[in-house]
C-alpha atoms as a PDB file:
ATOM      1  CA  UNK A   1       6.693 -89.276 -37.659  1.00  0.00           C
ATOM      2  CA  UNK A   2       7.403 -90.848 -41.021  1.00  0.00           C
ATOM      3  CA  UNK A   3      10.373 -93.004 -40.042  1.00  0.00           C
ATOM      4  CA  UNK A   4       8.417 -96.275 -39.797  1.00  0.00           C
ATOM      5  CA  UNK A   5       6.740 -95.581 -43.166  1.00  0.00           C
ATOM      6  CA  UNK A   6      10.121 -94.798 -44.736  1.00  0.00           C
ATOM      7  CA  UNK A   7      11.704 -97.962 -43.321  1.00  0.00           C
ATOM      8  CA  UNK A   8       8.799-100.128 -44.520  1.00  0.00           C
ATOM      9  CA  UNK A   9       8.971 -98.601 -47.999  1.00  0.00           C
ATOM     10  CA  UNK A  10      12.714 -99.254 -48.250  1.00  0.00           C
ATOM     11  CA  UNK A  11      12.251-102.859 -47.140  1.00  0.00           C
ATOM     12  CA  UNK A  12       9.473-103.440 -49.690  1.00  0.00           C
ATOM     13  CA  UNK A  13      11.730-101.977 -52.390  1.00  0.00           C
ATOM     14  CA  UNK A  14      14.600-104.285 -51.450  1.00  0.00           C
ATOM     15  CA  UNK A  15      12.398-107.379 -51.661  1.00  0.00           C
ATOM     16  CA  UNK A  16      10.742-106.400 -54.947  1.00  0.00           C
ATOM     17  CA  UNK A  17      11.195-109.059 -57.626  1.00  0.00           C
ATOM     18  CA  UNK A  18      10.527-106.760 -60.564  1.00  0.00           C
ATOM     19  CA  UNK A  19      13.065-104.960 -62.714  1.00  0.00           C
ATOM     20  CA  UNK A  20      11.500-101.556 -62.002  1.00  0.00           C
ATOM     21  CA  UNK A  21      10.093 -99.944 -58.873  1.00  0.00           C
ATOM     22  CA  UNK A  22       7.582 -97.108 -59.234  1.00  0.00           C
ATOM     23  CA  UNK A  23       7.446 -94.676 -56.310  1.00  0.00           C
ATOM     24  CA  UNK A  24       4.479 -92.284 -56.373  1.00  0.00           C
ATOM     25  CA  UNK A  25       4.427 -89.124 -54.293  1.00  0.00           C
ATOM     26  CA  UNK A  26       1.497 -87.138 -52.942  1.00  0.00           C
ATOM     27  CA  UNK A  27       2.214 -83.426 -52.679  1.00  0.00           C
ATOM     28  CA  UNK A  28       0.373 -81.377 -50.093  1.00  0.00           C
ATOM     29  CA  UNK A  29      -0.222 -77.658 -50.543  1.00  0.00           C
ATOM     30  CA  UNK A  30      -0.600 -75.143 -47.697  1.00  0.00           C
ATOM     31  CA  UNK A  31      -2.370 -71.914 -48.650  1.00  0.00           C
ATOM     32  CA  UNK A  32      -1.589 -68.764 -46.697  1.00  0.00           C
ATOM     33  CA  UNK A  33      -3.557 -66.240 -48.770  1.00  0.00           C
ATOM     34  CA  UNK A  34      -5.126 -64.703 -45.666  1.00  0.00           C
ATOM     35  CA  UNK A  35      -1.776 -64.122 -43.942  1.00  0.00           C
ATOM     36  CA  UNK A  36      -0.531 -60.972 -45.641  1.00  0.00           C
ATOM     37  CA  UNK A  37       2.419 -60.457 -43.247  1.00  0.00           C
ATOM     38  CA  UNK A  38       4.005 -63.894 -43.864  1.00  0.00           C
ATOM     39  CA  UNK A  39       7.415 -63.550 -45.504  1.00  0.00           C
ATOM     40  CA  UNK A  40       9.104 -65.803 -48.067  1.00  0.00           C
ATOM     41  CA  UNK A  41       6.075 -67.513 -49.578  1.00  0.00           C
ATOM     42  CA  UNK A  42       5.929 -68.350 -53.253  1.00  0.00           C
ATOM     43  CA  UNK A  43       2.951 -68.750 -55.547  1.00  0.00           C
ATOM     44  CA  UNK A  44       1.233 -72.103 -56.008  1.00  0.00           C
ATOM     45  CA  UNK A  45      -1.773 -73.265 -58.010  1.00  0.00           C
ATOM     46  CA  UNK A  46      -2.128 -70.277 -60.297  1.00  0.00           C
ATOM     47  CA  UNK A  47      -1.219 -67.325 -58.111  1.00  0.00           C
ATOM     48  CA  UNK A  48      -2.249 -68.421 -54.604  1.00  0.00           C
ATOM     49  CA  UNK A  49       0.338 -67.621 -51.917  1.00  0.00           C
ATOM     50  CA  UNK A  50       1.579 -70.699 -50.082  1.00  0.00           C
ATOM     51  CA  UNK A  51       4.110 -73.525 -49.810  1.00  0.00           C
ATOM     52  CA  UNK A  52       4.356 -77.050 -51.152  1.00  0.00           C
END
């Protein structure tokens, strides 16, 4: 799903004329607070059960 985005990002990085390249990341959170039987979840955003 992300392969074309990844390839485009790499190509833009290779053709960058600057000395530095800043790569920002957007992190998505999935909250599973209502799913008490789910195993292996950690705590995110101040005690909410979920994954990042």
